[in-house]
Amino acid sequence: MADTPAPYAPSRIRALPSWLLGRAAARGHRLVAEALATEGLRMMHHAVLCAVAELGPVSQAELGRTTGIDPKDVVALVNDLQKDGLVTRTPDPKDRRKNAVEISAAGQRRLHRTQRLGDEANAQLTAALTDEERAQLVALLTRIVAPGE
């Protein structure tokens, strides 16, 4: 899909880092969402699948706390991922009252493909930059997102 031009904003607004970051984020979000959609995955499902792969087996409660996703939404997202065979949910061996969520083999394969698609979308987002500029952008954005760390 072709990039849509940014809506009109006065020149003073267009020069603000907050406006530019918002526009870049919107473009990046759209590119990644379109890429993930080719694999039948939405961004929140991809984020949860990534977290389960990194943290798993993990309780749904811990998954919600770690990702900052509302517990009710975590349940719905995990239900969707389980329905598609991308995760399994079994009683947590540490606390049988809780469920442990773990990525399945099919989930690993899908995650591998969607991570590649996400990387390609991010490369498209930053295509106007050199490798050095891309690394510098990531470093600067990291400082903005987490000042003082």
C-alpha atoms as a PDB file:
ATOM      1  CA  MET A   1       0.000   0.000   0.000  1.00  0.00           C
ATOM      2  CA  ALA A   2       1.315   3.463  -0.879  1.00  0.00           C
ATOM      3  CA  ASP A   3       2.223   5.853   1.891  1.00  0.00           C
ATOM      4  CA  THR A   4      -0.461   8.422   2.525  1.00  0.00           C
ATOM      5  CA  PRO A   5       0.693  12.007   2.928  1.00  0.00           C
ATOM      6  CA  ALA A   6       0.631  13.471   6.415  1.00  0.00           C
ATOM      7  CA  PRO A   7      -2.369  15.676   7.119  1.00  0.00           C
ATOM      8  CA  TYR A   8      -1.791  19.396   6.911  1.00  0.00           C
ATOM      9  CA  ALA A   9      -0.091  20.904   9.918  1.00  0.00           C
ATOM     10  CA  PRO A  10       1.355  24.408  10.266  1.00  0.00           C
ATOM     11  CA  SER A  11       5.125  24.602   9.768  1.00  0.00           C
ATOM     12  CA  ARG A  12       5.650  25.316  13.480  1.00  0.00           C
ATOM     13  CA  ILE A  13       3.859  22.055  14.355  1.00  0.00           C
ATOM     14  CA  ARG A  14       5.662  20.046  11.631  1.00  0.00           C
ATOM     15  CA  ALA A  15       9.006  20.997  13.207  1.00  0.00           C
ATOM     16  CA  LEU A  16       8.111  19.608  16.653  1.00  0.00           C
ATOM     17  CA  PRO A  17       9.740  16.316  17.633  1.00  0.00           C
ATOM     18  CA  SER A  18       6.447  15.151  19.153  1.00  0.00           C
ATOM     19  CA  TRP A  19       4.595  15.650  15.851  1.00  0.00           C
ATOM     20  CA  LEU A  20       7.358  13.976  13.837  1.00  0.00           C
ATOM     21  CA  LEU A  21       7.532  11.032  16.254  1.00  0.00           C
ATOM     22  CA  GLY A  22       3.771  10.629  16.063  1.00  0.00           C
ATOM     23  CA  ARG A  23       3.818  10.602  12.255  1.00  0.00           C
ATOM     24  CA  ALA A  24       6.746   8.162  12.161  1.00  0.00           C
ATOM     25  CA  ALA A  25       5.030   5.913  14.701  1.00  0.00           C
ATOM     26  CA  ALA A  26       1.779   5.937  12.729  1.00  0.00           C
ATOM     27  CA  ARG A  27       3.624   5.028   9.522  1.00  0.00           C
ATOM     28  CA  GLY A  28       5.615   2.301  11.271  1.00  0.00           C
ATOM     29  CA  HIS A  29       2.491   0.899  12.912  1.00  0.00           C
ATOM     30  CA  ARG A  30       0.714   0.759   9.554  1.00  0.00           C
ATOM     31  CA  LEU A  31       3.656  -0.915   7.801  1.00  0.00           C
ATOM     32  CA  VAL A  32       4.061  -3.562  10.509  1.00  0.00           C
ATOM     33  CA  ALA A  33       0.301  -4.175  10.790  1.00  0.00           C
ATOM     34  CA  GLU A  34       0.045  -4.699   7.030  1.00  0.00           C
ATOM     35  CA  ALA A  35       3.021  -7.082   7.068  1.00  0.00           C
ATOM     36  CA  LEU A  36       1.644  -9.129   9.986  1.00  0.00           C
ATOM     37  CA  ALA A  37      -1.776  -9.295   8.343  1.00  0.00           C
ATOM     38  CA  THR A  38      -0.246 -11.349   5.524  1.00  0.00           C
ATOM     39  CA  GLU A  39       0.279 -14.063   8.160  1.00  0.00           C
ATOM     40  CA  GLY A  40      -3.182 -13.546   9.670  1.00  0.00           C
ATOM     41  CA  LEU A  41      -1.822 -11.932  12.833  1.00  0.00           C
ATOM     42  CA  ARG A  42      -2.663  -8.617  14.460  1.00  0.00           C
ATOM     43  CA  MET A  43      -0.053  -6.560  16.289  1.00  0.00           C
ATOM     44  CA  MET A  44      -1.315  -7.332  19.801  1.00  0.00           C
ATOM     45  CA  HIS A  45      -1.365 -11.058  19.040  1.00  0.00           C
ATOM     46  CA  HIS A  46       2.173 -10.799  17.693  1.00  0.00           C
ATOM     47  CA  ALA A  47       3.304  -8.925  20.813  1.00  0.00           C
ATOM     48  CA  VAL A  48       1.802 -11.580  23.099  1.00  0.00           C
ATOM     49  CA  LEU A  49       3.264 -14.401  20.998  1.00  0.00           C
ATOM     50  CA  CYS A  50       6.710 -12.735  21.216  1.00  0.00           C
ATOM     51  CA  ALA A  51       6.356 -12.342  24.977  1.00  0.00           C
ATOM     52  CA  VAL A  52       5.281 -15.958  25.450  1.00  0.00           C
ATOM     53  CA  ALA A  53       8.260 -17.125  23.380  1.00  0.00           C
ATOM     54  CA  GLU A  54      10.618 -14.993  25.460  1.00  0.00           C
ATOM     55  CA  LEU A  55       9.096 -15.608  28.908  1.00  0.00           C
ATOM     56  CA  GLY A  56       7.295 -18.931  28.595  1.00  0.00           C
ATOM     57  CA  PRO A  57       6.038 -20.950  30.089  1.00  0.00           C
ATOM     58  CA  VAL A  58       4.399 -17.972  31.752  1.00  0.00           C
ATOM     59  CA  SER A  59       1.176 -17.461  33.680  1.00  0.00           C
ATOM     60  CA  GLN A  60      -1.476 -15.298  32.062  1.00  0.00           C
ATOM     61  CA  ALA A  61      -1.286 -12.938  35.037  1.00  0.00           C
ATOM     62  CA  GLU A  62       2.476 -12.535  34.653  1.00  0.00           C
ATOM     63  CA  LEU A  63       2.042 -12.088  30.917  1.00  0.00           C
ATOM     64  CA  GLY A  64      -0.376  -9.221  31.573  1.00  0.00           C
ATOM     65  CA  ARG A  65       1.889  -7.592  34.170  1.00  0.00           C
ATOM     66  CA  THR A  66       4.974  -7.901  31.984  1.00  0.00           C
ATOM     67  CA  THR A  67       3.373  -6.582  28.806  1.00  0.00           C
ATOM     68  CA  GLY A  68       1.120  -4.004  30.469  1.00  0.00           C
ATOM     69  CA  ILE A  69      -1.937  -5.541  28.784  1.00  0.00           C
ATOM     70  CA  ASP A  70      -5.194  -5.635  30.759  1.00  0.00           C
ATOM     71  CA  PRO A  71      -5.776  -9.156  32.175  1.00  0.00           C
ATOM     72  CA  LYS A  72      -9.141  -9.516  30.395  1.00  0.00           C
ATOM     73  CA  ASP A  73      -7.467  -8.653  27.106  1.00  0.00           C
ATOM     74  CA  VAL A  74      -4.656 -11.134  27.785  1.00  0.00           C
ATOM     75  CA  VAL A  75      -7.230 -13.901  28.215  1.00  0.00           C
ATOM     76  CA  ALA A  76      -8.891 -13.009  24.892  1.00  0.00           C
ATOM     77  CA  LEU A  77      -5.555 -12.765  23.073  1.00  0.00           C
ATOM     78  CA  VAL A  78      -4.315 -16.079  24.485  1.00  0.00           C
ATOM     79  CA  ASN A  79      -7.673 -17.679  23.587  1.00  0.00           C
ATOM     80  CA  ASP A  80      -7.213 -16.545  19.985  1.00  0.00           C
ATOM     81  CA  LEU A  81      -3.611 -17.765  19.858  1.00  0.00           C
ATOM     82  CA  GLN A  82      -4.591 -21.104  21.386  1.00  0.00           C
ATOM     83  CA  LYS A  83      -7.491 -21.497  18.940  1.00  0.00           C
ATOM     84  CA  ASP A  84      -5.001 -21.013  16.091  1.00  0.00           C
ATOM     85  CA  GLY A  85      -2.653 -23.603  17.639  1.00  0.00           C
ATOM     86  CA  LEU A  86       0.092 -21.041  18.305  1.00  0.00           C
ATOM     87  CA  VAL A  87       0.232 -21.462  22.097  1.00  0.00           C
ATOM     88  CA  THR A  88      -0.707 -24.106  24.624  1.00  0.00           C
ATOM     89  CA  ARG A  89      -2.258 -23.444  28.001  1.00  0.00           C
ATOM     90  CA  THR A  90      -1.768 -25.984  30.787  1.00  0.00           C
ATOM     91  CA  PRO A  91      -2.014 -25.871  34.572  1.00  0.00           C
ATOM     92  CA  ASP A  92       1.017 -24.077  36.021  1.00  0.00           C
ATOM     93  CA  PRO A  93       3.193 -26.664  37.812  1.00  0.00           C
ATOM     94  CA  LYS A  94       4.072 -24.043  40.475  1.00  0.00           C
ATOM     95  CA  ASP A  95       0.419 -23.161  41.154  1.00  0.00           C
ATOM     96  CA  ARG A  96      -2.227 -25.461  39.688  1.00  0.00           C
ATOM     97  CA  ARG A  97      -4.855 -22.701  40.046  1.00  0.00           C
ATOM     98  CA  LYS A  98      -3.079 -20.751  37.295  1.00  0.00           C
ATOM     99  CA  ASN A  99      -2.534 -21.489  33.639  1.00  0.00           C
ATOM    100  CA  ALA A 100       0.932 -21.589  32.099  1.00  0.00           C
ATOM    101  CA  VAL A 101       1.063 -20.382  28.514  1.00  0.00           C
ATOM    102  CA  GLU A 102       3.769 -21.743  26.218  1.00  0.00           C
ATOM    103  CA  ILE A 103       4.475 -21.272  22.528  1.00  0.00           C
ATOM    104  CA  SER A 104       3.766 -24.314  20.344  1.00  0.00           C
ATOM    105  CA  ALA A 105       5.883 -25.575  17.453  1.00  0.00           C
ATOM    106  CA  ALA A 106       3.393 -23.976  15.042  1.00  0.00           C
ATOM    107  CA  GLY A 107       3.664 -20.768  17.063  1.00  0.00           C
ATOM    108  CA  GLN A 108       7.462 -20.848  16.770  1.00  0.00           C
ATOM    109  CA  ARG A 109       7.196 -21.220  12.993  1.00  0.00           C
ATOM    110  CA  ARG A 110       4.642 -18.400  12.704  1.00  0.00           C
ATOM    111  CA  LEU A 111       6.697 -16.178  15.005  1.00  0.00           C
ATOM    112  CA  HIS A 112       9.800 -16.749  12.883  1.00  0.00           C
ATOM    113  CA  ARG A 113       7.879 -15.625   9.784  1.00  0.00           C
ATOM    114  CA  THR A 114       6.221 -12.632  11.456  1.00  0.00           C
ATOM    115  CA  GLN A 115       9.488 -11.441  12.997  1.00  0.00           C
ATOM    116  CA  ARG A 116      11.041 -11.489   9.524  1.00  0.00           C
ATOM    117  CA  LEU A 117       8.047  -9.556   8.166  1.00  0.00           C
ATOM    118  CA  GLY A 118       8.320  -7.043  11.008  1.00  0.00           C
ATOM    119  CA  ASP A 119      12.015  -6.590  10.298  1.00  0.00           C
ATOM    120  CA  GLU A 120      11.226  -5.991   6.619  1.00  0.00           C
ATOM    121  CA  ALA A 121       8.547  -3.426   7.526  1.00  0.00           C
ATOM    122  CA  ASN A 122      10.975  -1.623   9.821  1.00  0.00           C
ATOM    123  CA  ALA A 123      13.602  -1.654   7.082  1.00  0.00           C
ATOM    124  CA  GLN A 124      11.024  -0.055   4.786  1.00  0.00           C
ATOM    125  CA  LEU A 125      10.243   2.537   7.476  1.00  0.00           C
ATOM    126  CA  THR A 126      13.902   3.503   7.784  1.00  0.00           C
ATOM    127  CA  ALA A 127      14.918   2.942   4.146  1.00  0.00           C
ATOM    128  CA  ALA A 128      15.985   6.583   3.734  1.00  0.00           C
ATOM    129  CA  LEU A 129      18.644   6.113   6.450  1.00  0.00           C
ATOM    130  CA  THR A 130      22.096   4.589   6.310  1.00  0.00           C
ATOM    131  CA  ASP A 131      22.888   1.704   8.676  1.00  0.00           C
ATOM    132  CA  GLU A 132      24.776   4.155  10.895  1.00  0.00           C
ATOM    133  CA  GLU A 133      21.850   6.609  10.916  1.00  0.00           C
ATOM    134  CA  ARG A 134      19.426   3.773  11.699  1.00  0.00           C
ATOM    135  CA  ALA A 135      21.533   2.726  14.686  1.00  0.00           C
ATOM    136  CA  GLN A 136      21.762   6.339  15.830  1.00  0.00           C
ATOM    137  CA  LEU A 137      17.983   6.756  15.482  1.00  0.00           C
ATOM    138  CA  VAL A 138      17.367   3.669  17.612  1.00  0.00           C
ATOM    139  CA  ALA A 139      19.813   4.913  20.251  1.00  0.00           C
ATOM    140  CA  LEU A 140      18.199   8.358  20.357  1.00  0.00           C
ATOM    141  CA  LEU A 141      14.658   6.974  20.495  1.00  0.00           C
ATOM    142  CA  THR A 142      15.694   4.622  23.289  1.00  0.00           C
ATOM    143  CA  ARG A 143      16.907   7.623  25.297  1.00  0.00           C
ATOM    144  CA  ILE A 144      13.634   9.434  24.648  1.00  0.00           C
ATOM    145  CA  VAL A 145      11.494   6.436  25.598  1.00  0.00           C
ATOM    146  CA  ALA A 146      13.478   5.656  28.757  1.00  0.00           C
ATOM    147  CA  PRO A 147      15.222   8.853  29.922  1.00  0.00           C
ATOM    148  CA  GLY A 148      17.865   8.343  32.555  1.00  0.00           C
ATOM    149  CA  GLU A 149      18.300   4.606  31.979  1.00  0.00           C
END
